[in-house]
Amino acid sequence: MDYRILGKNNGESMFCIVLKETQDEIMVMFPMTIEKHVIPIGPTTIRETYSASQLCPFSDDKIFTFYKPELLYIKPLSKDAIPFYVNMINRHESLETMKRYNIESLVQSDEVLNQIEDINDKVEVIKQFLSEHEESEEEEIPSVKGNKTMH
């Protein structure tokens, strides 16, 4: 699995899983924006905390494409951060399900390795679909039903 962190020109950073990368663009799944919070503890001491949220919370889309000129950096995600990121994805998916079905309680699993495997399986299925879709797209000849005119 290709876990990365992207830095955008506007200062945003985000966790993501790379599905496809070309010279000009990068297609990612489950992008989560990272926000830094500085908390003053005393006159000379501060504490930094970080939180993450869905990139586009008002959309059901899970896949986004970014043009590389809009990005400052594309780096591999630290192995220590991967379980944290996967747990956020699973929690977000669970929260969506709760909202959709109005479920009040949620049972969460602490088995991070199983969560990573679940996410990896989902990404592999989507990658396979995308590669099959691209192949079939090239062979398709557009036409209008009921009419012999080819466009």
Protein backbone atom coordinates (compact mmCIF):
# COMPACT_ATOMS: atom_id res chain seq x y z
CA MET A 1 0.00 0.00 0.00
CA ASP A 2 1.27 3.45 -0.91
CA TYR A 3 0.57 5.75 2.07
CA ARG A 4 1.72 9.33 1.51
CA ILE A 5 1.55 12.82 2.90
CA LEU A 6 0.94 15.68 0.45
CA GLY A 7 1.73 19.34 1.00
CA LYS A 8 -0.38 21.76 -1.02
CA ASN A 9 0.61 25.25 -2.16
CA ASN A 10 -1.99 26.78 0.18
CA GLY A 11 -0.24 25.34 3.26
CA GLU A 12 -2.54 22.35 3.79
CA SER A 13 -1.05 18.94 4.42
CA MET A 14 -2.95 15.69 4.05
CA PHE A 15 -2.64 11.96 4.60
CA CYS A 16 -3.72 9.78 1.66
CA ILE A 17 -3.41 6.47 -0.13
CA VAL A 18 -2.06 6.78 -3.68
CA LEU A 19 -4.05 4.88 -6.28
CA LYS A 20 -2.35 6.17 -9.42
CA GLU A 21 0.43 8.63 -10.19
CA THR A 22 1.46 10.16 -13.50
CA GLN A 23 3.95 12.87 -14.37
CA ASP A 24 1.27 15.59 -14.07
CA GLU A 25 -1.21 14.35 -11.48
CA ILE A 26 -1.78 12.05 -8.54
CA MET A 27 -5.00 10.16 -7.77
CA VAL A 28 -5.55 9.49 -4.07
CA MET A 29 -8.09 7.81 -1.84
CA PHE A 30 -9.28 8.80 1.64
CA PRO A 31 -7.46 12.16 1.85
CA MET A 32 -7.48 13.58 5.37
CA THR A 33 -6.35 17.17 6.01
CA ILE A 34 -4.01 17.73 8.94
CA GLU A 35 -4.45 20.70 11.24
CA LYS A 36 -1.89 21.92 13.76
CA HIS A 37 -3.08 23.44 17.03
CA VAL A 38 -0.71 25.41 19.26
CA ILE A 39 -1.72 25.49 22.92
CA PRO A 40 0.06 27.93 25.27
CA ILE A 41 0.83 26.20 28.58
CA GLY A 42 2.75 28.96 30.28
CA PRO A 43 4.52 32.21 29.49
CA THR A 44 7.39 30.42 27.70
CA THR A 45 5.93 26.98 26.94
CA ILE A 46 3.64 25.77 24.19
CA ARG A 47 2.26 22.39 23.20
CA GLU A 48 1.42 21.33 19.66
CA THR A 49 -1.40 18.93 18.86
CA TYR A 50 -2.60 17.69 15.52
CA SER A 51 -6.00 16.68 14.26
CA ALA A 52 -7.22 15.40 10.92
CA SER A 53 -10.51 15.61 9.08
CA GLN A 54 -12.00 14.49 5.80
CA LEU A 55 -10.85 16.66 2.88
CA CYS A 56 -14.35 17.24 1.51
CA PRO A 57 -16.85 16.40 4.28
CA PHE A 58 -19.95 17.23 2.22
CA SER A 59 -19.20 14.75 -0.58
CA ASP A 60 -19.52 10.97 -0.74
CA ASP A 61 -16.49 10.80 -3.04
CA LYS A 62 -13.51 8.94 -1.62
CA ILE A 63 -11.17 9.45 -4.59
CA PHE A 64 -9.59 12.79 -5.57
CA THR A 65 -7.09 13.85 -8.23
CA PHE A 66 -4.54 16.59 -7.60
CA TYR A 67 -2.35 18.27 -10.20
CA LYS A 68 1.29 18.13 -9.17
CA PRO A 69 1.96 21.86 -9.83
CA GLU A 70 -0.49 22.51 -6.94
CA LEU A 71 1.68 20.45 -4.56
CA LEU A 72 4.83 21.48 -2.70
CA TYR A 73 5.79 17.95 -1.69
CA ILE A 74 4.75 14.30 -1.90
CA LYS A 75 6.41 12.18 0.79
CA PRO A 76 5.96 8.64 2.10
CA LEU A 77 3.93 8.52 5.31
CA SER A 78 5.91 7.48 8.37
CA LYS A 79 5.36 3.83 9.34
CA ASP A 80 4.47 5.04 12.85
CA ALA A 81 1.68 7.25 11.46
CA ILE A 82 0.05 4.58 9.26
CA PRO A 83 -1.99 2.87 12.04
CA PHE A 84 -3.15 6.32 13.26
CA TYR A 85 -4.27 7.23 9.71
CA VAL A 86 -5.99 3.87 9.09
CA ASN A 87 -7.81 4.17 12.42
CA MET A 88 -9.05 7.65 11.39
CA ILE A 89 -10.37 6.26 8.11
CA ASN A 90 -12.20 3.45 9.87
CA ARG A 91 -13.65 5.83 12.45
CA HIS A 92 -14.82 8.19 9.70
CA GLU A 93 -16.44 5.36 7.78
CA SER A 94 -18.16 4.22 10.97
CA LEU A 95 -19.39 7.74 11.71
CA GLU A 96 -20.84 7.97 8.21
CA THR A 97 -22.64 4.70 8.78
CA MET A 98 -23.93 5.93 12.14
CA LYS A 99 -25.36 9.08 10.55
CA ARG A 100 -26.88 7.15 7.64
CA TYR A 101 -28.62 4.57 9.85
CA ASN A 102 -29.03 6.70 12.99
CA ILE A 103 -27.06 4.25 15.15
CA GLU A 104 -26.33 5.59 18.63
CA SER A 105 -23.55 3.23 19.68
CA LEU A 106 -20.60 1.92 17.75
CA VAL A 107 -18.33 -1.02 18.46
CA GLN A 108 -14.77 -0.16 17.49
CA SER A 109 -11.98 -2.69 17.00
CA ASP A 110 -8.51 -2.04 18.39
CA GLU A 111 -6.83 -4.47 15.98
CA VAL A 112 -4.92 -1.96 13.86
CA LEU A 113 -3.31 -4.63 11.69
CA ASN A 114 -6.73 -5.97 10.70
CA GLN A 115 -7.83 -2.42 9.91
CA ILE A 116 -4.84 -1.91 7.63
CA GLU A 117 -5.62 -5.18 5.83
CA ASP A 118 -9.27 -4.09 5.37
CA ILE A 119 -8.22 -0.75 3.87
CA ASN A 120 -5.62 -2.48 1.66
CA ASP A 121 -8.29 -4.85 0.34
CA LYS A 122 -10.64 -1.95 -0.48
CA VAL A 123 -7.89 -0.03 -2.29
CA GLU A 124 -6.85 -3.08 -4.33
CA VAL A 125 -10.44 -3.61 -5.50
CA ILE A 126 -10.70 0.05 -6.56
CA LYS A 127 -7.32 -0.09 -8.36
CA GLN A 128 -8.46 -3.19 -10.25
CA PHE A 129 -11.75 -1.49 -11.18
CA LEU A 130 -9.92 1.62 -12.41
CA SER A 131 -7.51 -0.37 -14.58
CA GLU A 132 -10.37 -2.43 -16.07
CA HIS A 133 -12.42 0.74 -16.64
CA GLU A 134 -9.54 2.46 -18.48
CA GLU A 135 -9.10 -0.56 -20.79
CA SER A 136 -12.81 -0.79 -21.60
CA GLU A 137 -13.02 2.98 -22.13
CA GLU A 138 -10.52 2.82 -25.00
CA GLU A 139 -12.46 0.05 -26.80
CA GLU A 140 -15.89 1.67 -26.43
CA ILE A 141 -17.50 3.31 -29.50
CA PRO A 142 -20.09 5.93 -28.51
CA SER A 143 -23.51 5.55 -30.13
CA VAL A 144 -27.10 6.61 -29.57
CA LYS A 145 -29.62 3.82 -28.87
CA GLY A 146 -32.32 3.44 -31.47
CA ASN A 147 -30.33 5.39 -34.02
CA LYS A 148 -27.68 4.10 -36.39
CA THR A 149 -25.74 7.39 -36.31
CA MET A 150 -22.23 6.96 -34.84
CA HIS A 151 -20.69 9.85 -32.90
